[in-house]
Amino acid sequence: MTRRAEQYDAQVLRREALGEHLVRLHLGGPGLADFRSTGVPDEWVGLVVPGQFQHRYYTVRAVTDETVVVDVVVHAEGLVTEWAERDCTGETVTLTEPKGSFTMPPDAAWLLLVADLTGLPAIARIAESRPAGLPCRVWVESADDLGDYLPDGDGLEVTWLRPPVGVTSALADVVGAIDWPAGDGYFWMAGESAQMRAIRKHLRHDRGLAASAYDVMGYWRDQARQRRSVDPGPIWRAGKAAGKTDEQIWAEYDAAREEETR
């Protein structure tokens, strides 16, 4: 029988803006008493915010005995974005059971990490937890100035990149131009899904890497190319402005989706 994933209610103890597009949430409260980290440095949780019934996945930046820290990237639109952009201190959210996938071989001679802003929290945690002195090169594509976000020294080399104008990301080109170290190591990357598909193909066919030598994860989709047929954002905002309940708003959204498919 399939075990139902655990869920945990938590309160936003503190909210801080790390940059124009990155918000840190310190979560705590008695509902997290049984929360247990996987110990995997790129672990993520599903986050359900007030007014939502579906979760969105976010990397766990840090776990202490009393808090779970999550860094949220705020985009141009989205229900979590609209919630996280305001002062949400004191509000209750729900977290799903954490999961992770980072599996660097113990004999890796080097580590390469590449991501846009959505993957930065995982890169920071991976860099902090890697074996002491292991050479690690990092490329981060970010519009925000976050030079103090990552740890310093100890074999870590960081390159900050500005996002290109007119396209979603240029990380596929960045990876294609990497001067790879000698020997066997591990490559980890996260970002926009279409970019990640191109990079997986490059790693398999051009670099000839075994599946155990890399992990490439699509964290989000370019909404300009893969927009929902019915965007819930306007329906949500209009419903709230009209004083409707969450159930009424989502009923209208479901009705709009059904109308779209007729």
Protein backbone atom coordinates (compact mmCIF):
# COMPACT_ATOMS: atom_id res chain seq x y z
CA MET A 1 0.00 0.00 0.00
CA THR A 2 1.32 3.44 -0.94
CA ARG A 3 2.22 5.61 2.03
CA ARG A 4 0.68 9.06 2.04
CA ALA A 5 3.30 11.80 2.06
CA GLU A 6 3.51 13.79 5.28
CA GLN A 7 2.42 17.43 5.42
CA TYR A 8 3.36 20.08 7.96
CA ASP A 9 1.67 23.34 8.87
CA ALA A 10 4.09 26.18 9.59
CA GLN A 11 3.95 29.88 10.39
CA VAL A 12 5.97 32.55 8.62
CA LEU A 13 8.15 33.80 11.48
CA ARG A 14 10.08 36.30 9.38
CA ARG A 15 10.22 37.54 5.79
CA GLU A 16 13.24 39.28 4.31
CA ALA A 17 13.98 40.53 0.80
CA LEU A 18 17.40 39.31 -0.32
CA GLY A 19 17.12 41.02 -3.71
CA GLU A 20 14.55 42.38 -6.11
CA HIS A 21 13.55 38.87 -7.16
CA LEU A 22 14.43 36.74 -4.11
CA VAL A 23 12.56 36.56 -0.80
CA ARG A 24 13.59 34.51 2.25
CA LEU A 25 10.94 32.95 4.47
CA HIS A 26 11.78 31.68 7.95
CA LEU A 27 9.14 29.08 8.82
CA GLY A 28 8.49 27.60 12.25
CA GLY A 29 5.87 26.65 14.80
CA PRO A 30 4.66 23.45 16.49
CA GLY A 31 3.51 21.97 13.18
CA LEU A 32 7.17 21.42 12.21
CA ALA A 33 8.01 19.36 15.31
CA ASP A 34 8.17 16.15 13.25
CA PHE A 35 9.76 17.66 10.13
CA ARG A 36 12.98 15.83 9.27
CA SER A 37 15.49 16.93 6.65
CA THR A 38 16.66 14.30 4.16
CA GLY A 39 20.19 15.65 4.51
CA VAL A 40 20.41 15.82 0.70
CA PRO A 41 21.68 19.32 -0.12
CA ASP A 42 19.30 20.02 -3.02
CA GLU A 43 16.22 18.85 -1.12
CA TRP A 44 12.92 20.53 -1.89
CA VAL A 45 9.45 20.79 -0.37
CA GLY A 46 6.04 21.53 -1.79
CA LEU A 47 4.77 24.87 -0.47
CA VAL A 48 1.05 25.60 -0.22
CA VAL A 49 0.29 29.23 0.58
CA PRO A 50 -3.02 30.76 1.74
CA GLY A 51 -5.60 30.76 -1.03
CA GLN A 52 -4.00 27.87 -2.88
CA PHE A 53 -4.82 24.19 -3.01
CA GLN A 54 -1.87 23.04 -5.11
CA HIS A 55 1.74 23.16 -4.01
CA ARG A 56 4.73 24.68 -5.75
CA TYR A 57 8.18 23.20 -5.17
CA TYR A 58 10.96 25.21 -3.50
CA THR A 59 14.46 24.32 -2.36
CA VAL A 60 15.09 24.17 1.39
CA ARG A 61 17.92 26.64 2.02
CA ALA A 62 18.50 25.61 5.63
CA VAL A 63 17.02 23.51 8.43
CA THR A 64 17.54 24.05 12.16
CA ASP A 65 15.92 22.44 15.18
CA GLU A 66 13.19 25.09 15.11
CA THR A 67 12.96 26.51 11.60
CA VAL A 68 12.89 25.68 7.90
CA VAL A 69 14.27 28.41 5.64
CA VAL A 70 12.96 28.68 2.08
CA ASP A 71 14.08 31.22 -0.53
CA VAL A 72 11.33 32.09 -3.01
CA VAL A 73 11.98 33.59 -6.45
CA VAL A 74 9.31 36.14 -7.31
CA HIS A 75 8.36 36.15 -10.99
CA ALA A 76 6.27 38.54 -13.06
CA GLU A 77 3.12 36.64 -12.14
CA GLY A 78 1.90 33.68 -10.11
CA LEU A 79 -0.07 33.02 -6.96
CA VAL A 80 2.97 32.31 -4.77
CA THR A 81 4.68 35.40 -6.17
CA GLU A 82 1.75 37.65 -5.32
CA TRP A 83 1.62 36.22 -1.80
CA ALA A 84 5.37 36.34 -1.15
CA GLU A 85 5.76 39.91 -2.42
CA ARG A 86 3.73 41.29 0.46
CA ASP A 87 4.28 41.06 4.21
CA CYS A 88 3.15 37.51 4.93
CA THR A 89 4.62 37.32 8.45
CA GLY A 90 2.35 35.39 10.81
CA GLU A 91 0.46 33.56 8.07
CA THR A 92 0.20 29.76 7.93
CA VAL A 93 1.54 27.67 5.05
CA THR A 94 1.76 23.93 4.44
CA LEU A 95 4.94 22.04 3.56
CA THR A 96 5.11 18.60 2.01
CA GLU A 97 7.63 15.95 2.95
CA PRO A 98 11.15 16.90 1.74
CA LYS A 99 12.85 15.07 -1.13
CA GLY A 100 16.26 15.42 -2.78
CA SER A 101 18.23 14.00 -5.69
CA PHE A 102 21.88 15.15 -5.40
CA THR A 103 24.05 12.01 -5.57
CA MET A 104 27.66 12.97 -6.22
CA PRO A 105 29.97 9.91 -6.33
CA PRO A 106 32.25 9.82 -3.28
CA ASP A 107 35.35 9.67 -5.49
CA ALA A 108 34.44 12.73 -7.62
CA ALA A 109 37.56 14.84 -8.29
CA TRP A 110 35.61 18.04 -9.00
CA LEU A 111 32.14 19.55 -8.95
CA LEU A 112 30.46 21.86 -11.48
CA LEU A 113 27.26 23.72 -10.52
CA VAL A 114 25.15 25.80 -12.93
CA ALA A 115 21.78 27.47 -12.34
CA ASP A 116 19.62 30.51 -12.73
CA LEU A 117 18.18 32.24 -9.67
CA THR A 118 15.75 29.39 -8.93
CA GLY A 119 18.63 26.97 -8.42
CA LEU A 120 20.80 29.33 -6.35
CA PRO A 121 19.58 28.09 -2.92
CA ALA A 122 20.48 24.52 -3.86
CA ILE A 123 23.89 25.58 -5.19
CA ALA A 124 24.63 27.37 -1.92
CA ARG A 125 23.73 24.34 0.17
CA ILE A 126 25.65 21.95 -2.11
CA ALA A 127 28.73 24.17 -2.00
CA GLU A 128 28.57 24.36 1.79
CA SER A 129 28.19 20.62 2.27
CA ARG A 130 30.73 19.31 -0.26
CA PRO A 131 33.93 17.66 0.99
CA ALA A 132 36.47 20.18 2.24
CA GLY A 133 38.74 21.45 -0.49
CA LEU A 134 36.91 19.73 -3.35
CA PRO A 135 37.37 22.00 -6.42
CA CYS A 136 34.00 23.50 -7.29
CA ARG A 137 33.16 25.88 -10.13
CA VAL A 138 29.84 27.71 -10.13
CA TRP A 139 27.94 29.67 -12.78
CA VAL A 140 24.81 31.59 -11.70
CA GLU A 141 22.53 33.56 -14.03
CA SER A 142 20.85 36.28 -11.95
CA ALA A 143 19.49 39.79 -12.45
CA ASP A 144 20.00 40.48 -8.73
CA ASP A 145 23.32 41.41 -7.13
CA LEU A 146 23.77 38.55 -4.65
CA GLY A 147 27.53 38.30 -4.41
CA ASP A 148 27.46 37.52 -0.69
CA TYR A 149 24.89 34.70 -1.02
CA LEU A 150 27.42 31.93 -1.65
CA PRO A 151 30.23 30.78 0.68
CA ASP A 152 33.79 32.02 0.04
CA GLY A 153 37.03 30.21 -0.70
CA ASP A 154 37.93 26.58 -0.02
CA GLY A 155 38.29 25.73 -3.71
CA LEU A 156 35.11 27.53 -4.77
CA GLU A 157 35.19 29.60 -7.98
CA VAL A 158 32.02 31.58 -8.79
CA THR A 159 30.99 33.31 -12.04
CA TRP A 160 27.94 35.59 -11.95
CA LEU A 161 26.08 36.08 -15.24
CA ARG A 162 23.41 38.60 -16.21
CA PRO A 163 20.35 37.11 -17.95
CA PRO A 164 20.32 37.82 -21.69
CA VAL A 165 17.97 40.39 -23.20
CA GLY A 166 15.07 39.06 -25.23
CA VAL A 167 15.41 35.36 -24.35
CA THR A 168 14.62 33.33 -21.25
CA SER A 169 18.13 32.10 -20.46
CA ALA A 170 21.54 31.54 -22.02
CA LEU A 171 22.68 28.75 -19.72
CA ALA A 172 22.73 26.17 -22.51
CA ASP A 173 25.36 28.27 -24.28
CA VAL A 174 27.28 28.69 -21.02
CA VAL A 175 27.47 24.93 -20.50
CA GLY A 176 28.47 24.40 -24.12
CA ALA A 177 31.47 26.69 -23.59
CA ILE A 178 32.74 25.14 -20.34
CA ASP A 179 36.38 24.06 -20.26
CA TRP A 180 35.86 20.77 -18.45
CA PRO A 181 38.35 19.63 -15.79
CA ALA A 182 40.37 16.47 -16.25
CA GLY A 183 39.29 13.29 -14.53
CA ASP A 184 35.89 12.19 -13.27
CA GLY A 185 33.63 14.59 -11.40
CA TYR A 186 29.99 15.55 -11.03
CA PHE A 187 27.81 18.09 -12.83
CA TRP A 188 24.61 19.53 -11.28
CA MET A 189 22.31 22.07 -12.88
CA ALA A 190 18.82 23.55 -12.49
CA GLY A 191 16.79 26.13 -14.38
CA GLU A 192 14.20 26.59 -17.13
CA SER A 193 12.90 23.27 -18.43
CA ALA A 194 13.55 23.78 -22.16
CA GLN A 195 17.15 24.82 -21.43
CA MET A 196 17.62 21.73 -19.27
CA ARG A 197 16.45 19.42 -22.05
CA ALA A 198 19.06 20.88 -24.42
CA ILE A 199 21.77 20.50 -21.77
CA ARG A 200 20.91 16.86 -21.01
CA LYS A 201 21.28 16.12 -24.71
CA HIS A 202 24.66 17.90 -24.76
CA LEU A 203 25.93 15.97 -21.74
CA ARG A 204 24.85 12.61 -23.12
CA HIS A 205 25.81 12.96 -26.77
CA ASP A 206 28.56 15.57 -26.90
CA ARG A 207 30.27 15.01 -23.55
CA GLY A 208 29.50 11.29 -23.34
CA LEU A 209 28.76 11.47 -19.61
CA ALA A 210 27.22 8.53 -17.79
CA ALA A 211 23.86 9.19 -16.12
CA SER A 212 25.55 8.82 -12.72
CA ALA A 213 27.89 11.75 -13.50
CA TYR A 214 25.26 14.47 -13.70
CA ASP A 215 21.87 15.70 -12.49
CA VAL A 216 20.01 18.30 -14.57
CA MET A 217 16.63 19.48 -13.29
CA GLY A 218 13.94 21.66 -14.85
CA TYR A 219 12.71 23.91 -12.04
CA TRP A 220 10.27 26.03 -14.03
CA ARG A 221 8.73 26.59 -17.47
CA ASP A 222 8.84 29.69 -19.64
CA GLN A 223 5.25 30.90 -19.42
CA ALA A 224 5.62 32.95 -22.62
CA ARG A 225 6.02 29.67 -24.51
CA GLN A 226 3.97 27.33 -22.33
CA ARG A 227 1.24 29.52 -20.89
CA ARG A 228 -1.84 27.90 -19.37
CA SER A 229 -4.92 28.01 -21.58
CA VAL A 230 -6.67 29.68 -18.62
CA ASP A 231 -4.51 31.81 -16.31
CA PRO A 232 -5.76 31.53 -12.69
CA GLY A 233 -4.14 34.83 -11.68
CA PRO A 234 -6.77 37.25 -13.04
CA ILE A 235 -9.61 35.02 -11.82
CA TRP A 236 -8.07 34.93 -8.34
CA ARG A 237 -7.55 38.70 -8.16
CA ALA A 238 -11.06 39.48 -9.44
CA GLY A 239 -12.61 37.01 -7.03
CA LYS A 240 -10.78 38.46 -4.04
CA ALA A 241 -11.74 41.99 -5.08
CA ALA A 242 -15.37 40.86 -5.20
CA GLY A 243 -15.17 39.31 -1.72
CA LYS A 244 -15.62 35.73 -2.90
CA THR A 245 -14.43 32.71 -0.93
CA ASP A 246 -11.55 30.52 -2.06
CA GLU A 247 -14.00 27.76 -2.97
CA GLN A 248 -16.04 30.14 -5.14
CA ILE A 249 -12.95 31.43 -6.91
CA TRP A 250 -11.62 27.98 -7.72
CA ALA A 251 -15.08 26.87 -8.88
CA GLU A 252 -14.99 29.76 -11.37
CA TYR A 253 -11.53 28.72 -12.50
CA ASP A 254 -12.64 25.12 -13.02
CA ALA A 255 -15.66 26.33 -14.97
CA ALA A 256 -13.41 28.50 -17.17
CA ARG A 257 -11.15 25.51 -17.85
CA GLU A 258 -14.16 23.40 -18.84
CA GLU A 259 -15.43 26.15 -21.13
CA GLU A 260 -12.03 26.38 -22.80
CA THR A 261 -12.08 22.70 -23.76
CA ARG A 262 -15.55 22.77 -25.35
